[in-house]
Amino acid sequence: MITAPLSDRHRYTRLSPWFAAAFEFLEQLPADKPVGRYELDGDKCFALVQSYTTKPLAQATFEAHQRYLDIQFIQAGNETILWTPLAMLTQVTQPYVAAKDITFFASPAHQVAIHLRPGDFAIFYPEDGHAPGIEYGAPTTIRKVVFKILAN
C-alpha cells in the first residue's frame, strides 16, 4: 500500500507503465467529469469515476482483488480507507467473484485508518486488504476516481 498527494505522482510512474497514464488522466480531470468507466488501455487499465456518500465505520467492508491493483484518488470530499495485509483477512464473507475481481472479508482485529483529502491517492496491491468509503469525521459526498490496473 502506498499513499501520497498527487504532487508526488512522479515518484510512482516507473512502478507500472499504466501509472503514468492514470496520473495523466488525473491531471486533465475536470471537476464535472461524468460518473462512469473510462478506458485507458482496455481491460488492462481503466478509470471508474465515482460519487457517493461515505458511511460509518461500523459499516466497513473489507475487500481484496487478485487480478487488479487499485489507485484510489480523492477529487472532492474526505474519506477514510481501512487497510490491512491480506494475510490478516481470514474470514471470507463473500467468495471471490472473478467477473468483478473481488472477495469480501469480515473486519480483522488489526487495521490501519488512512485519511484521504482532495488531491490524495492510495495504491492498493492484491496483497492489500482495504475497506473504502468510510467517513472521515462525518458523512460526506465524495468524488473519487478508482483506477483498475492489471497486476500480472
C-alpha atoms as a PDB file:
ATOM      1  CA  MET A   1       0.000   0.000   0.000  1.00  0.00           C
ATOM      2  CA  ILE A   2       1.182   3.477  -0.887  1.00  0.00           C
ATOM      3  CA  THR A   3      -0.450   6.791  -0.073  1.00  0.00           C
ATOM      4  CA  ALA A   4       0.689  10.218  -1.247  1.00  0.00           C
ATOM      5  CA  PRO A   5      -0.508  13.564  -2.567  1.00  0.00           C
ATOM      6  CA  LEU A   6      -0.901  13.809  -6.334  1.00  0.00           C
ATOM      7  CA  SER A   7       2.006  16.272  -6.377  1.00  0.00           C
ATOM      8  CA  ASP A   8       4.306  13.280  -5.601  1.00  0.00           C
ATOM      9  CA  ARG A   9       2.995  11.185  -8.507  1.00  0.00           C
ATOM     10  CA  HIS A  10       6.320  11.358 -10.384  1.00  0.00           C
ATOM     11  CA  ARG A  11       7.840   9.022  -7.761  1.00  0.00           C
ATOM     12  CA  TYR A  12       5.474   6.226  -8.745  1.00  0.00           C
ATOM     13  CA  THR A  13       5.179   6.397 -12.546  1.00  0.00           C
ATOM     14  CA  ARG A  14       8.016   3.921 -13.064  1.00  0.00           C
ATOM     15  CA  LEU A  15       6.287   1.226 -10.970  1.00  0.00           C
ATOM     16  CA  SER A  16       3.953   0.368 -13.856  1.00  0.00           C
ATOM     17  CA  PRO A  17       3.607   1.630 -17.426  1.00  0.00           C
ATOM     18  CA  TRP A  18      -0.060   2.338 -16.672  1.00  0.00           C
ATOM     19  CA  PHE A  19       0.646   4.546 -13.654  1.00  0.00           C
ATOM     20  CA  ALA A  20       1.789   7.374 -15.949  1.00  0.00           C
ATOM     21  CA  ALA A  21      -1.439   7.066 -17.965  1.00  0.00           C
ATOM     22  CA  ALA A  22      -3.523   7.116 -14.776  1.00  0.00           C
ATOM     23  CA  PHE A  23      -1.786  10.216 -13.423  1.00  0.00           C
ATOM     24  CA  GLU A  24      -2.102  11.952 -16.798  1.00  0.00           C
ATOM     25  CA  PHE A  25      -5.855  11.234 -16.688  1.00  0.00           C
ATOM     26  CA  LEU A  26      -5.986  12.909 -13.266  1.00  0.00           C
ATOM     27  CA  GLU A  27      -4.037  15.947 -14.469  1.00  0.00           C
ATOM     28  CA  GLN A  28      -6.728  16.538 -17.116  1.00  0.00           C
ATOM     29  CA  LEU A  29      -9.704  15.607 -14.913  1.00  0.00           C
ATOM     30  CA  PRO A  30     -12.426  18.294 -14.891  1.00  0.00           C
ATOM     31  CA  ALA A  31     -14.499  18.697 -11.730  1.00  0.00           C
ATOM     32  CA  ASP A  32     -17.659  17.778 -13.649  1.00  0.00           C
ATOM     33  CA  LYS A  33     -16.439  14.606 -15.407  1.00  0.00           C
ATOM     34  CA  PRO A  34     -19.495  12.316 -15.555  1.00  0.00           C
ATOM     35  CA  VAL A  35     -19.557   9.275 -13.309  1.00  0.00           C
ATOM     36  CA  GLY A  36     -18.663   6.144 -15.274  1.00  0.00           C
ATOM     37  CA  ARG A  37     -15.940   3.937 -16.718  1.00  0.00           C
ATOM     38  CA  TYR A  38     -13.147   5.376 -18.884  1.00  0.00           C
ATOM     39  CA  GLU A  39     -10.750   3.025 -20.650  1.00  0.00           C
ATOM     40  CA  LEU A  40      -7.098   3.992 -20.786  1.00  0.00           C
ATOM     41  CA  ASP A  41      -5.924   0.635 -22.191  1.00  0.00           C
ATOM     42  CA  GLY A  42      -8.964  -1.615 -22.453  1.00  0.00           C
ATOM     43  CA  ASP A  43      -9.267  -4.061 -19.557  1.00  0.00           C
ATOM     44  CA  LYS A  44      -5.578  -3.597 -18.677  1.00  0.00           C
ATOM     45  CA  CYS A  45      -6.086  -0.098 -17.273  1.00  0.00           C
ATOM     46  CA  PHE A  46      -9.331   1.805 -16.775  1.00  0.00           C
ATOM     47  CA  ALA A  47     -10.755   4.522 -14.555  1.00  0.00           C
ATOM     48  CA  LEU A  48     -14.010   4.469 -12.612  1.00  0.00           C
ATOM     49  CA  VAL A  49     -15.248   7.974 -11.780  1.00  0.00           C
ATOM     50  CA  GLN A  50     -17.495   7.667  -8.724  1.00  0.00           C
ATOM     51  CA  SER A  51     -19.605   9.796  -6.415  1.00  0.00           C
ATOM     52  CA  TYR A  52     -21.089   8.534  -3.154  1.00  0.00           C
ATOM     53  CA  THR A  53     -21.683   9.365   0.495  1.00  0.00           C
ATOM     54  CA  THR A  54     -19.208   7.931   2.972  1.00  0.00           C
ATOM     55  CA  LYS A  55     -20.533   5.507   5.588  1.00  0.00           C
ATOM     56  CA  PRO A  56     -19.915   4.943   9.327  1.00  0.00           C
ATOM     57  CA  LEU A  57     -17.015   2.789  10.491  1.00  0.00           C
ATOM     58  CA  ALA A  58     -19.464   0.113  11.665  1.00  0.00           C
ATOM     59  CA  GLN A  59     -20.404  -0.487   8.008  1.00  0.00           C
ATOM     60  CA  ALA A  60     -16.823  -1.083   6.823  1.00  0.00           C
ATOM     61  CA  THR A  61     -16.478  -3.966   4.375  1.00  0.00           C
ATOM     62  CA  PHE A  62     -13.005  -5.282   3.602  1.00  0.00           C
ATOM     63  CA  GLU A  63     -12.191  -6.356   0.073  1.00  0.00           C
ATOM     64  CA  ALA A  64      -9.237  -7.640  -1.898  1.00  0.00           C
ATOM     65  CA  HIS A  65      -8.503  -8.231  -5.573  1.00  0.00           C
ATOM     66  CA  GLN A  66      -6.498 -10.906  -7.368  1.00  0.00           C
ATOM     67  CA  ARG A  67      -6.031  -9.553 -10.907  1.00  0.00           C
ATOM     68  CA  TYR A  68      -6.009  -5.786 -10.460  1.00  0.00           C
ATOM     69  CA  LEU A  69      -4.386  -3.215  -8.236  1.00  0.00           C
ATOM     70  CA  ASP A  70      -6.238  -0.017  -7.367  1.00  0.00           C
ATOM     71  CA  ILE A  71      -5.188   3.584  -7.428  1.00  0.00           C
ATOM     72  CA  GLN A  72      -7.871   5.423  -5.463  1.00  0.00           C
ATOM     73  CA  PHE A  73      -7.821   9.220  -5.878  1.00  0.00           C
ATOM     74  CA  ILE A  74      -9.988  11.688  -3.966  1.00  0.00           C
ATOM     75  CA  GLN A  75     -11.105  14.563  -6.178  1.00  0.00           C
ATOM     76  CA  ALA A  76     -13.530  16.163  -3.696  1.00  0.00           C
ATOM     77  CA  GLY A  77     -14.526  15.416  -0.103  1.00  0.00           C
ATOM     78  CA  ASN A  78     -12.744  13.403   2.592  1.00  0.00           C
ATOM     79  CA  GLU A  79     -12.621   9.650   3.034  1.00  0.00           C
ATOM     80  CA  THR A  80     -11.122   7.078   5.352  1.00  0.00           C
ATOM     81  CA  ILE A  81      -9.940   3.807   3.854  1.00  0.00           C
ATOM     82  CA  LEU A  82      -9.038   0.994   6.228  1.00  0.00           C
ATOM     83  CA  TRP A  83      -6.037  -1.159   5.324  1.00  0.00           C
ATOM     84  CA  THR A  84      -4.658  -4.495   6.491  1.00  0.00           C
ATOM     85  CA  PRO A  85      -2.379  -7.117   4.935  1.00  0.00           C
ATOM     86  CA  LEU A  86      -4.323  -9.757   3.011  1.00  0.00           C
ATOM     87  CA  ALA A  87      -2.895 -12.427   5.341  1.00  0.00           C
ATOM     88  CA  MET A  88      -4.864 -10.857   8.215  1.00  0.00           C
ATOM     89  CA  LEU A  89      -8.173 -11.333   6.364  1.00  0.00           C
ATOM     90  CA  THR A  90      -9.088 -14.853   7.411  1.00  0.00           C
ATOM     91  CA  GLN A  91     -12.902 -14.829   7.375  1.00  0.00           C
ATOM     92  CA  VAL A  92     -14.419 -14.661   3.883  1.00  0.00           C
ATOM     93  CA  THR A  93     -17.922 -13.198   3.853  1.00  0.00           C
ATOM     94  CA  GLN A  94     -18.388 -13.365   0.065  1.00  0.00           C
ATOM     95  CA  PRO A  95     -16.217 -15.700  -2.026  1.00  0.00           C
ATOM     96  CA  TYR A  96     -14.188 -14.465  -4.961  1.00  0.00           C
ATOM     97  CA  VAL A  97     -16.235 -13.266  -7.953  1.00  0.00           C
ATOM     98  CA  ALA A  98     -13.942 -13.406 -10.992  1.00  0.00           C
ATOM     99  CA  ALA A  99     -16.114 -11.129 -13.147  1.00  0.00           C
ATOM    100  CA  LYS A 100     -15.699  -8.332 -10.577  1.00  0.00           C
ATOM    101  CA  ASP A 101     -12.266  -9.431  -9.301  1.00  0.00           C
ATOM    102  CA  ILE A 102     -13.316  -9.122  -5.676  1.00  0.00           C
ATOM    103  CA  THR A 103     -13.514 -11.092  -2.439  1.00  0.00           C
ATOM    104  CA  PHE A 104     -15.165  -9.652   0.681  1.00  0.00           C
ATOM    105  CA  PHE A 105     -13.988 -10.307   4.226  1.00  0.00           C
ATOM    106  CA  ALA A 106     -15.033  -9.692   7.828  1.00  0.00           C
ATOM    107  CA  SER A 107     -13.177  -6.865   9.551  1.00  0.00           C
ATOM    108  CA  PRO A 108      -9.888  -8.075  11.046  1.00  0.00           C
ATOM    109  CA  ALA A 109      -8.590  -7.269  14.522  1.00  0.00           C
ATOM    110  CA  HIS A 110      -5.648  -5.299  13.056  1.00  0.00           C
ATOM    111  CA  GLN A 111      -6.424  -2.427  10.682  1.00  0.00           C
ATOM    112  CA  VAL A 112      -4.925   0.947   9.847  1.00  0.00           C
ATOM    113  CA  ALA A 113      -7.032   4.013   9.036  1.00  0.00           C
ATOM    114  CA  ILE A 114      -5.824   6.062   6.076  1.00  0.00           C
ATOM    115  CA  HIS A 115      -7.381   9.527   5.857  1.00  0.00           C
ATOM    116  CA  LEU A 116      -7.541  10.942   2.331  1.00  0.00           C
ATOM    117  CA  ARG A 117      -8.369  14.528   1.380  1.00  0.00           C
ATOM    118  CA  PRO A 118      -8.812  16.108  -2.052  1.00  0.00           C
ATOM    119  CA  GLY A 119      -5.670  15.556  -4.104  1.00  0.00           C
ATOM    120  CA  ASP A 120      -4.556  12.437  -2.190  1.00  0.00           C
ATOM    121  CA  PHE A 121      -4.276   8.950  -3.635  1.00  0.00           C
ATOM    122  CA  ALA A 122      -3.667   5.450  -2.314  1.00  0.00           C
ATOM    123  CA  ILE A 123      -2.393   2.419  -4.215  1.00  0.00           C
ATOM    124  CA  PHE A 124      -3.608  -1.000  -3.124  1.00  0.00           C
ATOM    125  CA  TYR A 125      -1.932  -4.115  -4.491  1.00  0.00           C
ATOM    126  CA  PRO A 126      -3.534  -7.583  -4.484  1.00  0.00           C
ATOM    127  CA  GLU A 127      -1.836  -8.307  -1.141  1.00  0.00           C
ATOM    128  CA  ASP A 128      -3.566  -5.268   0.429  1.00  0.00           C
ATOM    129  CA  GLY A 129      -6.952  -5.726   2.036  1.00  0.00           C
ATOM    130  CA  HIS A 130      -8.891  -2.476   2.159  1.00  0.00           C
ATOM    131  CA  ALA A 131     -12.258  -1.072   3.181  1.00  0.00           C
ATOM    132  CA  PRO A 132     -13.034   2.146   1.260  1.00  0.00           C
ATOM    133  CA  GLY A 133     -15.867   4.611   1.653  1.00  0.00           C
ATOM    134  CA  ILE A 134     -15.639   5.241   5.395  1.00  0.00           C
ATOM    135  CA  GLU A 135     -16.495   8.664   6.758  1.00  0.00           C
ATOM    136  CA  TYR A 136     -13.660  10.912   7.881  1.00  0.00           C
ATOM    137  CA  GLY A 137     -15.167  12.831  10.793  1.00  0.00           C
ATOM    138  CA  ALA A 138     -18.677  12.973   9.322  1.00  0.00           C
ATOM    139  CA  PRO A 139     -20.581  11.560   6.336  1.00  0.00           C
ATOM    140  CA  THR A 140     -19.822  13.484   3.178  1.00  0.00           C
ATOM    141  CA  THR A 141     -20.365  13.114  -0.539  1.00  0.00           C
ATOM    142  CA  ILE A 142     -17.107  12.496  -2.308  1.00  0.00           C
ATOM    143  CA  ARG A 143     -15.899  12.416  -5.898  1.00  0.00           C
ATOM    144  CA  LYS A 144     -13.344   9.746  -6.447  1.00  0.00           C
ATOM    145  CA  VAL A 145     -11.517   8.044  -9.280  1.00  0.00           C
ATOM    146  CA  VAL A 146     -10.535   4.399  -8.909  1.00  0.00           C
ATOM    147  CA  PHE A 147      -8.085   3.073 -11.458  1.00  0.00           C
ATOM    148  CA  LYS A 148      -8.057  -0.666 -12.065  1.00  0.00           C
ATOM    149  CA  ILE A 149      -4.625  -1.709 -13.332  1.00  0.00           C
ATOM    150  CA  LEU A 150      -3.745  -5.256 -14.302  1.00  0.00           C
ATOM    151  CA  ALA A 151      -1.298  -6.506 -11.689  1.00  0.00           C
ATOM    152  CA  ASN A 152       0.031  -9.547 -13.554  1.00  0.00           C
END
